[in-house]
Amino acid sequence: MKFYPYSDNRQHRIVARGDNVSDVIDRMIRVTAKVTEHYASDIVYTINDLLAAIDNKKDLAVVLNFRECGVTTYSKAQLESPEVLRSMLSGGIQQWLLTVGWDGDIPETSFLRINISSSN
């Protein structure tokens, strides 16, 4: 499985350095409102996970699958299963990669629209 950027357009990537991730959260909410028809509040769980990762100084790497009826979050390990990957791609409208990494004590958060290939 391979992830690659959907495009080079700035609207498909947002990066925040530091613990103020309001721009990232804003983009997550806007994408959710634009793509989903029902259960948009599913994004709240992922926002809470993002904030907890920063508060606890942990790495985070999840794929958000935006569907007509909500948002499902997958770890990269879950997507190693061909069944899970096939199910996600068949029911998904857009996929985004949310990551938190660390440069010393400073968090670097990225929200990137991606394409996923099942081949390596």
N, C-alpha and C. Protein backbone atom coordinates (compact mmCIF):
# COMPACT_ATOMS: atom_id res chain seq x y z
N MET A 1 0.83 -1.16 0.00
CA MET A 1 0.00 0.00 0.00
C MET A 1 0.89 1.24 0.00
N LYS A 2 0.47 2.24 -0.75
CA LYS A 2 1.26 3.46 -0.85
C LYS A 2 0.32 4.65 -0.79
N PHE A 3 0.73 5.68 -0.03
CA PHE A 3 0.01 6.95 0.03
C PHE A 3 0.75 7.95 -0.82
N TYR A 4 0.03 8.76 -1.57
CA TYR A 4 0.68 9.85 -2.28
C TYR A 4 -0.26 11.05 -2.33
N PRO A 5 0.29 12.27 -2.39
CA PRO A 5 -0.54 13.47 -2.36
C PRO A 5 -1.54 13.49 -3.50
N TYR A 6 -2.72 13.96 -3.21
CA TYR A 6 -3.78 14.11 -4.21
C TYR A 6 -3.37 15.14 -5.26
N SER A 7 -2.78 16.24 -4.81
CA SER A 7 -2.29 17.28 -5.73
C SER A 7 -1.30 18.16 -4.99
N ASP A 8 -0.69 19.08 -5.71
CA ASP A 8 0.22 20.05 -5.10
C ASP A 8 -0.50 21.31 -4.67
N ASN A 9 -1.80 21.38 -4.91
CA ASN A 9 -2.59 22.55 -4.58
C ASN A 9 -2.60 22.77 -3.06
N ARG A 10 -2.43 24.00 -2.63
CA ARG A 10 -2.40 24.32 -1.19
C ARG A 10 -3.69 23.99 -0.48
N GLN A 11 -4.80 23.95 -1.21
CA GLN A 11 -6.08 23.64 -0.56
C GLN A 11 -6.15 22.18 -0.12
N HIS A 12 -5.23 21.37 -0.60
CA HIS A 12 -5.21 19.95 -0.24
C HIS A 12 -4.14 19.62 0.80
N ARG A 13 -3.56 20.64 1.42
CA ARG A 13 -2.54 20.41 2.45
C ARG A 13 -2.52 21.61 3.40
N ILE A 14 -2.49 21.29 4.67
CA ILE A 14 -2.30 22.34 5.67
C ILE A 14 -1.31 21.81 6.69
N VAL A 15 -0.38 22.67 7.08
CA VAL A 15 0.66 22.29 8.03
C VAL A 15 0.70 23.34 9.14
N ALA A 16 0.81 22.86 10.37
CA ALA A 16 0.94 23.76 11.51
C ALA A 16 2.15 23.35 12.33
N ARG A 17 2.95 24.33 12.69
CA ARG A 17 4.12 24.09 13.54
C ARG A 17 3.83 24.76 14.88
N GLY A 18 3.87 23.98 15.95
CA GLY A 18 3.53 24.48 17.27
C GLY A 18 2.22 23.88 17.74
N ASP A 19 1.80 24.28 18.93
CA ASP A 19 0.61 23.65 19.49
C ASP A 19 -0.69 24.34 19.09
N ASN A 20 -0.63 25.43 18.34
CA ASN A 20 -1.84 26.05 17.82
C ASN A 20 -2.20 25.39 16.49
N VAL A 21 -3.15 24.47 16.55
CA VAL A 21 -3.54 23.71 15.35
C VAL A 21 -4.94 24.12 14.88
N SER A 22 -5.35 25.36 15.17
CA SER A 22 -6.68 25.80 14.80
C SER A 22 -6.89 25.78 13.29
N ASP A 23 -5.85 26.08 12.51
CA ASP A 23 -5.98 26.02 11.05
C ASP A 23 -6.25 24.59 10.57
N VAL A 24 -5.58 23.62 11.20
CA VAL A 24 -5.78 22.22 10.83
C VAL A 24 -7.19 21.79 11.20
N ILE A 25 -7.62 22.12 12.41
CA ILE A 25 -8.97 21.75 12.85
C ILE A 25 -10.02 22.42 11.97
N ASP A 26 -9.81 23.68 11.63
CA ASP A 26 -10.74 24.38 10.75
C ASP A 26 -10.87 23.66 9.41
N ARG A 27 -9.75 23.24 8.83
CA ARG A 27 -9.79 22.53 7.54
C ARG A 27 -10.50 21.19 7.68
N MET A 28 -10.25 20.49 8.79
CA MET A 28 -10.91 19.20 9.02
C MET A 28 -12.43 19.39 9.06
N ILE A 29 -12.88 20.42 9.75
CA ILE A 29 -14.32 20.68 9.86
C ILE A 29 -14.90 21.08 8.50
N ARG A 30 -14.19 21.91 7.76
CA ARG A 30 -14.68 22.35 6.45
C ARG A 30 -14.78 21.17 5.46
N VAL A 31 -13.78 20.30 5.45
CA VAL A 31 -13.83 19.13 4.56
C VAL A 31 -15.01 18.24 4.96
N THR A 32 -15.17 18.04 6.26
CA THR A 32 -16.27 17.19 6.73
C THR A 32 -17.62 17.76 6.31
N ALA A 33 -17.80 19.05 6.50
CA ALA A 33 -19.07 19.68 6.14
C ALA A 33 -19.32 19.63 4.63
N LYS A 34 -18.26 19.73 3.86
CA LYS A 34 -18.39 19.72 2.40
C LYS A 34 -18.70 18.33 1.86
N VAL A 35 -18.08 17.30 2.42
CA VAL A 35 -18.14 15.96 1.84
C VAL A 35 -19.29 15.12 2.40
N THR A 36 -19.52 15.21 3.70
CA THR A 36 -20.50 14.32 4.32
C THR A 36 -21.91 14.90 4.27
N GLU A 37 -22.89 14.01 4.22
CA GLU A 37 -24.30 14.41 4.27
C GLU A 37 -24.89 14.18 5.65
N HIS A 38 -24.36 13.19 6.38
CA HIS A 38 -24.87 12.81 7.70
C HIS A 38 -23.69 12.50 8.61
N TYR A 39 -23.92 12.64 9.90
CA TYR A 39 -22.95 12.26 10.93
C TYR A 39 -21.62 12.99 10.80
N ALA A 40 -21.68 14.26 10.45
CA ALA A 40 -20.46 15.05 10.35
C ALA A 40 -19.78 15.19 11.71
N SER A 41 -20.53 15.01 12.78
CA SER A 41 -19.93 15.15 14.12
C SER A 41 -18.93 14.05 14.41
N ASP A 42 -18.85 13.01 13.57
CA ASP A 42 -17.82 11.98 13.73
C ASP A 42 -16.42 12.57 13.79
N ILE A 43 -16.22 13.73 13.18
CA ILE A 43 -14.90 14.35 13.13
C ILE A 43 -14.43 14.79 14.52
N VAL A 44 -15.36 14.98 15.45
CA VAL A 44 -15.02 15.43 16.79
C VAL A 44 -14.07 14.44 17.47
N TYR A 45 -14.28 13.14 17.27
CA TYR A 45 -13.41 12.14 17.89
C TYR A 45 -11.97 12.28 17.41
N THR A 46 -11.80 12.53 16.12
CA THR A 46 -10.45 12.68 15.57
C THR A 46 -9.81 13.98 16.06
N ILE A 47 -10.59 15.03 16.16
CA ILE A 47 -10.06 16.29 16.70
C ILE A 47 -9.59 16.08 18.14
N ASN A 48 -10.37 15.35 18.92
CA ASN A 48 -9.95 15.05 20.30
C ASN A 48 -8.66 14.24 20.32
N ASP A 49 -8.53 13.27 19.41
CA ASP A 49 -7.30 12.47 19.32
C ASP A 49 -6.10 13.35 18.96
N LEU A 50 -6.31 14.28 18.05
CA LEU A 50 -5.25 15.21 17.64
C LEU A 50 -4.78 16.05 18.83
N LEU A 51 -5.72 16.64 19.54
CA LEU A 51 -5.37 17.49 20.68
C LEU A 51 -4.71 16.68 21.79
N ALA A 52 -5.17 15.45 22.02
CA ALA A 52 -4.56 14.59 23.03
C ALA A 52 -3.12 14.22 22.65
N ALA A 53 -2.88 13.96 21.37
CA ALA A 53 -1.53 13.63 20.92
C ALA A 53 -0.58 14.79 21.20
N ILE A 54 -1.04 16.00 20.94
CA ILE A 54 -0.19 17.17 21.19
C ILE A 54 0.01 17.37 22.69
N ASP A 55 -1.07 17.27 23.46
CA ASP A 55 -0.96 17.45 24.92
C ASP A 55 -0.02 16.42 25.55
N ASN A 56 -0.07 15.18 25.04
CA ASN A 56 0.72 14.09 25.60
C ASN A 56 2.05 13.87 24.90
N LYS A 57 2.37 14.76 23.95
CA LYS A 57 3.63 14.69 23.20
C LYS A 57 3.82 13.33 22.53
N LYS A 58 2.77 12.89 21.82
CA LYS A 58 2.77 11.61 21.11
C LYS A 58 2.70 11.85 19.61
N ASP A 59 3.24 10.90 18.85
CA ASP A 59 3.07 10.92 17.40
C ASP A 59 1.67 10.45 17.07
N LEU A 60 1.17 10.88 15.93
CA LEU A 60 -0.14 10.45 15.44
C LEU A 60 -0.04 10.31 13.93
N ALA A 61 -0.59 9.25 13.40
CA ALA A 61 -0.67 9.07 11.95
C ALA A 61 -1.92 8.25 11.66
N VAL A 62 -2.94 8.91 11.12
CA VAL A 62 -4.20 8.24 10.81
C VAL A 62 -4.70 8.70 9.45
N VAL A 63 -5.45 7.82 8.81
CA VAL A 63 -6.11 8.15 7.55
C VAL A 63 -7.59 8.37 7.86
N LEU A 64 -8.10 9.50 7.42
CA LEU A 64 -9.51 9.81 7.58
C LEU A 64 -10.21 9.50 6.26
N ASN A 65 -11.22 8.66 6.35
CA ASN A 65 -12.01 8.29 5.18
C ASN A 65 -13.34 9.04 5.27
N PHE A 66 -13.51 10.03 4.42
CA PHE A 66 -14.73 10.81 4.40
C PHE A 66 -15.75 10.12 3.50
N ARG A 67 -16.89 9.77 4.11
CA ARG A 67 -17.97 9.07 3.41
C ARG A 67 -19.20 9.96 3.39
N GLU A 68 -20.20 9.56 2.64
CA GLU A 68 -21.45 10.30 2.63
C GLU A 68 -22.04 10.36 4.04
N CYS A 69 -21.91 9.28 4.78
CA CYS A 69 -22.49 9.20 6.12
C CYS A 69 -21.40 9.19 7.19
N GLY A 70 -20.59 10.21 7.23
CA GLY A 70 -19.64 10.34 8.32
C GLY A 70 -18.18 10.18 7.95
N VAL A 71 -17.36 10.09 8.98
CA VAL A 71 -15.92 9.99 8.83
C VAL A 71 -15.43 8.80 9.65
N THR A 72 -14.62 7.96 9.05
CA THR A 72 -14.00 6.84 9.76
C THR A 72 -12.50 7.06 9.76
N THR A 73 -11.89 6.80 10.90
CA THR A 73 -10.44 6.98 11.05
C THR A 73 -9.78 5.61 11.12
N TYR A 74 -8.69 5.45 10.37
CA TYR A 74 -7.94 4.20 10.32
C TYR A 74 -6.48 4.47 10.62
N SER A 75 -5.87 3.57 11.38
CA SER A 75 -4.42 3.62 11.54
C SER A 75 -3.82 3.02 10.27
N LYS A 76 -2.57 3.31 10.02
CA LYS A 76 -1.90 2.73 8.85
C LYS A 76 -1.86 1.21 8.97
N ALA A 77 -1.72 0.70 10.18
CA ALA A 77 -1.69 -0.76 10.38
C ALA A 77 -3.02 -1.40 9.96
N GLN A 78 -4.13 -0.75 10.27
CA GLN A 78 -5.43 -1.30 9.87
C GLN A 78 -5.55 -1.39 8.35
N LEU A 79 -4.94 -0.45 7.65
CA LEU A 79 -5.05 -0.43 6.20
C LEU A 79 -4.16 -1.47 5.52
N GLU A 80 -3.33 -2.15 6.30
CA GLU A 80 -2.53 -3.24 5.74
C GLU A 80 -3.41 -4.44 5.39
N SER A 81 -4.59 -4.51 5.98
CA SER A 81 -5.53 -5.58 5.66
C SER A 81 -6.20 -5.28 4.33
N PRO A 82 -6.07 -6.17 3.34
CA PRO A 82 -6.70 -5.92 2.04
C PRO A 82 -8.21 -5.74 2.14
N GLU A 83 -8.86 -6.45 3.06
CA GLU A 83 -10.31 -6.34 3.21
C GLU A 83 -10.70 -4.95 3.72
N VAL A 84 -9.96 -4.47 4.71
CA VAL A 84 -10.24 -3.14 5.27
C VAL A 84 -9.99 -2.07 4.21
N LEU A 85 -8.89 -2.19 3.51
CA LEU A 85 -8.55 -1.21 2.48
C LEU A 85 -9.61 -1.21 1.37
N ARG A 86 -10.00 -2.37 0.92
CA ARG A 86 -11.01 -2.47 -0.14
C ARG A 86 -12.34 -1.87 0.32
N SER A 87 -12.73 -2.18 1.54
CA SER A 87 -13.97 -1.65 2.10
C SER A 87 -13.91 -0.13 2.20
N MET A 88 -12.79 0.39 2.68
CA MET A 88 -12.65 1.83 2.82
C MET A 88 -12.74 2.54 1.48
N LEU A 89 -12.01 2.04 0.51
CA LEU A 89 -11.98 2.71 -0.79
C LEU A 89 -13.30 2.60 -1.53
N SER A 90 -14.03 1.53 -1.32
CA SER A 90 -15.31 1.37 -2.02
C SER A 90 -16.38 2.29 -1.44
N GLY A 91 -16.26 2.68 -0.17
CA GLY A 91 -17.28 3.52 0.44
C GLY A 91 -16.82 4.94 0.70
N GLY A 92 -15.62 5.26 0.31
CA GLY A 92 -15.07 6.58 0.61
C GLY A 92 -15.18 7.56 -0.54
N ILE A 93 -15.30 8.83 -0.18
CA ILE A 93 -15.34 9.91 -1.17
C ILE A 93 -13.97 10.57 -1.26
N GLN A 94 -13.38 10.87 -0.09
CA GLN A 94 -12.04 11.46 -0.03
C GLN A 94 -11.29 10.83 1.13
N GLN A 95 -9.96 10.74 0.99
CA GLN A 95 -9.10 10.26 2.06
C GLN A 95 -8.07 11.34 2.36
N TRP A 96 -7.84 11.56 3.65
CA TRP A 96 -6.88 12.55 4.12
C TRP A 96 -5.98 11.91 5.16
N LEU A 97 -4.72 12.30 5.18
CA LEU A 97 -3.76 11.81 6.14
C LEU A 97 -3.50 12.90 7.18
N LEU A 98 -3.72 12.55 8.45
CA LEU A 98 -3.46 13.47 9.57
C LEU A 98 -2.26 12.94 10.34
N THR A 99 -1.25 13.77 10.48
CA THR A 99 -0.06 13.34 11.21
C THR A 99 0.36 14.41 12.21
N VAL A 100 0.95 13.92 13.30
CA VAL A 100 1.63 14.79 14.26
C VAL A 100 3.01 14.17 14.47
N GLY A 101 4.04 14.94 14.22
CA GLY A 101 5.41 14.54 14.49
C GLY A 101 6.03 15.59 15.38
N TRP A 102 7.26 15.35 15.79
CA TRP A 102 7.89 16.25 16.75
C TRP A 102 9.28 16.67 16.30
N ASP A 103 9.55 17.95 16.41
CA ASP A 103 10.88 18.50 16.21
C ASP A 103 11.33 19.00 17.58
N GLY A 104 11.96 18.11 18.35
CA GLY A 104 12.26 18.42 19.74
C GLY A 104 10.96 18.46 20.53
N ASP A 105 10.64 19.61 21.12
CA ASP A 105 9.40 19.78 21.87
C ASP A 105 8.31 20.47 21.06
N ILE A 106 8.54 20.68 19.79
CA ILE A 106 7.59 21.42 18.96
C ILE A 106 6.83 20.45 18.05
N PRO A 107 5.49 20.42 18.18
CA PRO A 107 4.72 19.53 17.31
C PRO A 107 4.61 20.10 15.89
N GLU A 108 4.65 19.19 14.92
CA GLU A 108 4.43 19.55 13.52
C GLU A 108 3.25 18.72 13.03
N THR A 109 2.15 19.38 12.73
CA THR A 109 0.90 18.74 12.35
C THR A 109 0.63 18.97 10.88
N SER A 110 0.20 17.91 10.20
CA SER A 110 -0.09 18.00 8.78
C SER A 110 -1.42 17.32 8.50
N PHE A 111 -2.21 17.94 7.63
CA PHE A 111 -3.46 17.37 7.15
C PHE A 111 -3.41 17.45 5.63
N LEU A 112 -3.31 16.29 4.99
CA LEU A 112 -3.01 16.19 3.56
C LEU A 112 -4.01 15.28 2.87
N ARG A 113 -4.62 15.78 1.81
CA ARG A 113 -5.49 14.91 1.01
C ARG A 113 -4.60 13.95 0.22
N ILE A 114 -4.97 12.68 0.24
CA ILE A 114 -4.13 11.66 -0.37
C ILE A 114 -4.93 10.77 -1.32
N ASN A 115 -4.20 10.10 -2.16
CA ASN A 115 -4.68 8.94 -2.90
C ASN A 115 -3.98 7.74 -2.30
N ILE A 116 -4.64 6.61 -2.36
CA ILE A 116 -4.07 5.38 -1.81
C ILE A 116 -4.03 4.36 -2.91
N SER A 117 -2.85 3.73 -3.05
CA SER A 117 -2.69 2.64 -4.00
C SER A 117 -2.52 1.36 -3.21
N SER A 118 -3.22 0.32 -3.61
CA SER A 118 -3.10 -0.95 -2.89
C SER A 118 -1.83 -1.71 -3.29
N SER A 119 -1.16 -1.26 -4.35
CA SER A 119 0.09 -1.93 -4.74
C SER A 119 1.27 -1.18 -4.15
N ASN A 120 2.38 -1.88 -3.96
CA ASN A 120 3.56 -1.26 -3.36
C ASN A 120 4.37 -0.57 -4.37
